[in-house]
Amino acid sequence: MTGDITQSGLIDLIDQQRSKLGYLSISALMALTRTGNVILDPFSTLISIHAEIGRDNIFYPAVRLDATSPEMLEIGRRNTFYGNTVIDAQTGLITIGNGNLFGEGCVHVATNQPGATIIIGSDGRYRGSIQISGLSVLGDGSQILGNIIVRDVQLGAGGSFRHPIADERGAVLKGMGEGRGITLETGQVIAGNGTLAPENVRMQSFYHPDAK
C-alpha cells in the first residue's frame, strides 16, 4: 500500500491531469484573480490555456472554458458564469463581451461544426437549459431564457433586461423549443412552446405592457 500523498504532491498530480487536457494549472488559474477575476472553486473550474480572459469576471464552481488553439476564445469583462456553463471553441471563434450573465441552469455555447463562429455582445442574459451553436450573433442586451436549443441565430442588439422600455431591449428567445436560422430585430421576442416559430414573433411590450 502506498503512502499518503502530500498536499503539494496532490496539487502537482492535479496540474499534470489538467496539462494533459490543455487546462490552466491551479496556480495559473488563481493568477487570474490578480486582475479582479473571482474563482470561487479552482478545483472544479477548468479554463483552457488558450482562453483570453478579461478583468472582473466571476466563475462559479463547475464552469468549463475550452479552446483548441490561441485566439479562439475571448472573454471580456464583468461576466458572470454560473455553474454548469460550458463555452467550447472547437472549430471556430467564440467572443464574449462585457457584463453578461450565463446561468443559472445549464448553458452550452459551442462552435463544433465547420464554419461556426459565435459572437456574444454585452449585457446579455442566458439562463436555463440552453444550447447555442453554429454561426450565431447575440447582440448587446439579448436574452435566451428557458429550455432552448438554437443554431445559426441572429439576435438584434438593444438595451439590457433592466432597460425600462421593453421594445428597445435586445431581442429575446424564451420558453422552450428548437430553432435554426432565426433572425430577430431589436425589441422582438419569440416565446416558444415546443418550437421557435417565426410567425410567433412579437414585440416585447406585448408581454410587458407596463414597460412602454
Protein backbone atom coordinates (compact mmCIF):
# COMPACT_ATOMS: atom_id res chain seq x y z
CA MET A 1 0.00 0.00 0.00
CA THR A 2 1.46 3.36 -0.99
CA GLY A 3 1.87 6.23 1.45
CA ASP A 4 -0.39 9.25 1.63
CA ILE A 5 0.05 11.98 -0.96
CA THR A 6 1.23 15.28 0.45
CA GLN A 7 -0.74 18.45 -0.21
CA SER A 8 1.87 19.75 -2.63
CA GLY A 9 2.05 16.36 -4.30
CA LEU A 10 -1.72 16.35 -4.73
CA ILE A 11 -1.65 19.74 -6.45
CA ASP A 12 1.15 18.50 -8.72
CA LEU A 13 -0.93 15.48 -9.72
CA ILE A 14 -3.98 17.65 -10.40
CA ASP A 15 -1.90 20.01 -12.53
CA GLN A 16 -0.48 17.10 -14.51
CA GLN A 17 -4.00 15.95 -15.38
CA ARG A 18 -5.02 19.47 -16.34
CA SER A 19 -1.92 19.92 -18.51
CA LYS A 20 -2.70 16.73 -20.45
CA LEU A 21 -6.06 18.22 -21.47
CA GLY A 22 -4.86 21.76 -22.09
CA TYR A 23 -6.23 23.48 -18.98
CA LEU A 24 -4.59 26.06 -16.73
CA SER A 25 -2.86 24.78 -13.63
CA ILE A 26 -4.35 25.64 -10.25
CA SER A 27 -1.77 28.38 -9.70
CA ALA A 28 -2.23 29.82 -13.20
CA LEU A 29 -5.98 29.77 -12.70
CA MET A 30 -5.73 31.63 -9.40
CA ALA A 31 -3.36 34.14 -11.02
CA LEU A 32 -6.43 35.42 -12.90
CA THR A 33 -7.61 36.90 -9.60
CA ARG A 34 -4.84 39.48 -9.86
CA THR A 35 -6.94 41.24 -12.49
CA GLY A 36 -10.11 41.20 -10.40
CA ASN A 37 -11.47 37.86 -11.54
CA VAL A 38 -13.20 35.71 -8.91
CA ILE A 39 -12.58 31.94 -8.97
CA LEU A 40 -14.85 30.50 -6.29
CA ASP A 41 -13.66 26.90 -6.65
CA PRO A 42 -10.42 26.41 -8.60
CA PHE A 43 -10.67 22.63 -8.33
CA SER A 44 -13.92 22.43 -10.33
CA THR A 45 -13.19 25.32 -12.71
CA LEU A 46 -11.46 24.41 -15.96
CA ILE A 47 -10.13 27.14 -18.26
CA SER A 48 -8.16 26.44 -21.42
CA ILE A 49 -4.59 27.64 -21.66
CA HIS A 50 -5.64 29.30 -24.94
CA ALA A 51 -8.53 31.34 -23.50
CA GLU A 52 -8.12 35.11 -23.27
CA ILE A 53 -9.76 36.29 -20.04
CA GLY A 54 -10.52 39.93 -19.27
CA ARG A 55 -10.95 41.59 -15.89
CA ASP A 56 -13.53 41.27 -13.11
CA ASN A 57 -15.31 38.13 -14.24
CA ILE A 58 -16.94 35.76 -11.74
CA PHE A 59 -16.60 32.00 -12.17
CA TYR A 60 -18.85 29.81 -10.03
CA PRO A 61 -17.98 26.14 -9.42
CA ALA A 62 -18.24 23.67 -12.31
CA VAL A 63 -17.52 26.05 -15.19
CA ARG A 64 -15.55 24.90 -18.24
CA LEU A 65 -13.99 27.06 -20.95
CA ASP A 66 -12.44 25.11 -23.83
CA ALA A 67 -10.40 26.34 -26.79
CA THR A 68 -8.43 24.22 -29.23
CA SER A 69 -5.90 26.91 -30.18
CA PRO A 70 -4.87 30.50 -29.42
CA GLU A 71 -7.24 33.36 -30.32
CA MET A 72 -10.23 31.01 -30.43
CA LEU A 73 -11.90 32.12 -27.19
CA GLU A 74 -12.03 35.71 -25.97
CA ILE A 75 -13.82 36.70 -22.76
CA GLY A 76 -14.34 40.36 -21.89
CA ARG A 77 -15.01 41.98 -18.52
CA ARG A 78 -17.56 41.67 -15.73
CA ASN A 79 -19.21 38.49 -16.98
CA THR A 80 -20.75 36.02 -14.56
CA PHE A 81 -20.52 32.31 -15.32
CA TYR A 82 -22.76 30.24 -13.06
CA GLY A 83 -22.22 26.52 -12.52
CA ASN A 84 -22.76 24.12 -15.43
CA THR A 85 -21.75 26.70 -18.02
CA VAL A 86 -19.61 25.31 -20.87
CA ILE A 87 -18.03 27.56 -23.52
CA ASP A 88 -16.45 25.30 -26.13
CA ALA A 89 -14.48 26.84 -29.02
CA GLN A 90 -13.57 23.81 -31.11
CA THR A 91 -13.83 24.74 -34.78
CA GLY A 92 -14.36 28.49 -34.71
CA LEU A 93 -14.05 31.70 -32.76
CA ILE A 94 -16.19 32.49 -29.73
CA THR A 95 -16.07 36.04 -28.40
CA ILE A 96 -17.95 37.29 -25.36
CA GLY A 97 -18.26 40.97 -24.49
CA ASN A 98 -18.85 42.51 -21.09
CA GLY A 99 -21.39 42.18 -18.30
CA ASN A 100 -23.19 39.04 -19.47
CA LEU A 101 -24.95 36.51 -17.23
CA PHE A 102 -24.55 32.82 -18.15
CA GLY A 103 -26.88 30.71 -15.99
CA GLU A 104 -28.22 29.75 -13.64
CA GLY A 105 -29.07 26.47 -15.29
CA CYS A 106 -27.07 24.53 -17.87
CA VAL A 107 -25.67 26.72 -20.65
CA HIS A 108 -23.63 25.26 -23.52
CA VAL A 109 -22.14 27.58 -26.15
CA ALA A 110 -20.17 25.68 -28.78
CA THR A 111 -18.54 26.09 -32.17
CA ASN A 112 -18.37 22.43 -33.08
CA GLN A 113 -19.23 22.46 -36.80
CA PRO A 114 -17.15 23.68 -39.76
CA GLY A 115 -17.60 27.41 -40.32
CA ALA A 116 -19.11 28.04 -36.92
CA THR A 117 -18.50 31.37 -35.15
CA ILE A 118 -20.36 32.76 -32.15
CA ILE A 119 -20.23 36.44 -31.25
CA ILE A 120 -21.90 37.48 -27.99
CA GLY A 121 -22.14 41.19 -27.19
CA SER A 122 -22.52 42.79 -23.78
CA ASP A 123 -25.17 42.90 -21.03
CA GLY A 124 -26.95 39.77 -22.23
CA ARG A 125 -28.70 37.14 -20.13
CA TYR A 126 -28.67 33.43 -20.98
CA ARG A 127 -30.44 31.37 -18.34
CA GLY A 128 -31.95 27.90 -18.30
CA SER A 129 -31.13 24.75 -20.26
CA ILE A 130 -29.61 26.37 -23.34
CA GLN A 131 -27.54 25.19 -26.32
CA ILE A 132 -26.15 27.73 -28.80
CA SER A 133 -24.16 26.67 -31.86
CA GLY A 134 -23.41 27.41 -35.50
CA LEU A 135 -22.89 30.85 -36.99
CA SER A 136 -24.59 32.99 -34.37
CA VAL A 137 -24.56 36.63 -33.28
CA LEU A 138 -26.19 37.55 -29.99
CA GLY A 139 -26.29 41.33 -29.85
CA ASP A 140 -25.97 43.56 -26.81
CA GLY A 141 -28.79 43.03 -24.33
CA SER A 142 -30.10 39.87 -25.99
CA GLN A 143 -31.62 37.12 -23.89
CA ILE A 144 -32.24 33.38 -24.19
CA LEU A 145 -34.36 32.10 -21.33
CA GLY A 146 -35.83 28.66 -20.72
CA ASN A 147 -35.25 25.33 -22.42
CA ILE A 148 -33.86 26.45 -25.78
CA ILE A 149 -31.67 24.88 -28.49
CA VAL A 150 -30.63 27.18 -31.34
CA ARG A 151 -28.22 27.16 -34.25
CA ASP A 152 -27.33 29.99 -36.65
CA VAL A 153 -29.31 32.57 -34.70
CA GLN A 154 -29.10 36.37 -35.03
CA LEU A 155 -30.47 38.40 -32.12
CA GLY A 156 -30.61 42.17 -32.57
CA ALA A 157 -28.85 44.46 -30.11
CA GLY A 158 -30.58 46.79 -27.68
CA GLY A 159 -30.81 47.64 -24.02
CA SER A 160 -30.40 45.01 -21.32
CA PHE A 161 -33.28 43.34 -19.47
CA ARG A 162 -33.03 46.22 -17.00
CA HIS A 163 -33.79 48.81 -19.68
CA PRO A 164 -37.13 50.49 -18.86
CA ILE A 165 -38.58 50.35 -22.39
CA ALA A 166 -39.24 46.78 -23.47
CA ASP A 167 -39.25 47.40 -27.22
CA GLU A 168 -35.79 48.96 -27.02
CA ARG A 169 -34.23 45.90 -25.39
CA GLY A 170 -32.11 43.31 -27.15
CA ALA A 171 -34.01 40.51 -28.89
CA VAL A 172 -35.27 37.59 -26.81
CA LEU A 173 -35.91 33.87 -27.20
CA LYS A 174 -37.79 32.35 -24.28
CA GLY A 175 -39.90 29.39 -23.27
CA MET A 176 -39.00 26.05 -24.80
CA GLY A 177 -38.17 24.79 -28.25
CA GLU A 178 -35.60 24.42 -31.00
CA GLY A 179 -34.82 26.75 -33.86
CA ARG A 180 -32.38 27.30 -36.70
CA GLY A 181 -31.72 30.37 -38.82
CA ILE A 182 -33.80 32.66 -36.61
CA THR A 183 -33.29 36.42 -37.02
CA LEU A 184 -34.88 38.87 -34.57
CA GLU A 185 -34.59 42.65 -34.54
CA THR A 186 -34.27 44.94 -31.51
CA GLY A 187 -37.28 44.63 -29.21
CA GLN A 188 -38.61 41.43 -30.77
CA VAL A 189 -39.30 38.18 -28.93
CA ILE A 190 -40.37 34.63 -29.65
CA ALA A 191 -41.99 32.68 -26.81
CA GLY A 192 -41.53 29.05 -27.79
CA ASN A 193 -43.86 26.21 -26.92
CA GLY A 194 -42.04 23.26 -28.43
CA THR A 195 -40.83 25.16 -31.50
CA LEU A 196 -39.45 28.64 -32.08
CA ALA A 197 -41.67 29.64 -34.99
CA PRO A 198 -41.09 32.92 -36.90
CA GLU A 199 -44.87 33.51 -37.07
CA ASN A 200 -44.83 33.89 -33.28
CA VAL A 201 -42.58 36.96 -33.32
CA ARG A 202 -43.98 39.77 -31.19
CA MET A 203 -42.70 43.00 -29.73
CA GLN A 204 -41.64 42.62 -26.12
CA SER A 205 -44.20 45.18 -24.95
CA PHE A 206 -46.85 42.51 -25.71
CA TYR A 207 -45.58 40.64 -22.64
CA HIS A 208 -44.53 43.74 -20.70
CA PRO A 209 -47.28 46.34 -21.31
CA ASP A 210 -46.12 48.43 -18.38
CA ALA A 211 -42.65 48.86 -19.93
CA LYS A 212 -43.58 51.03 -22.91
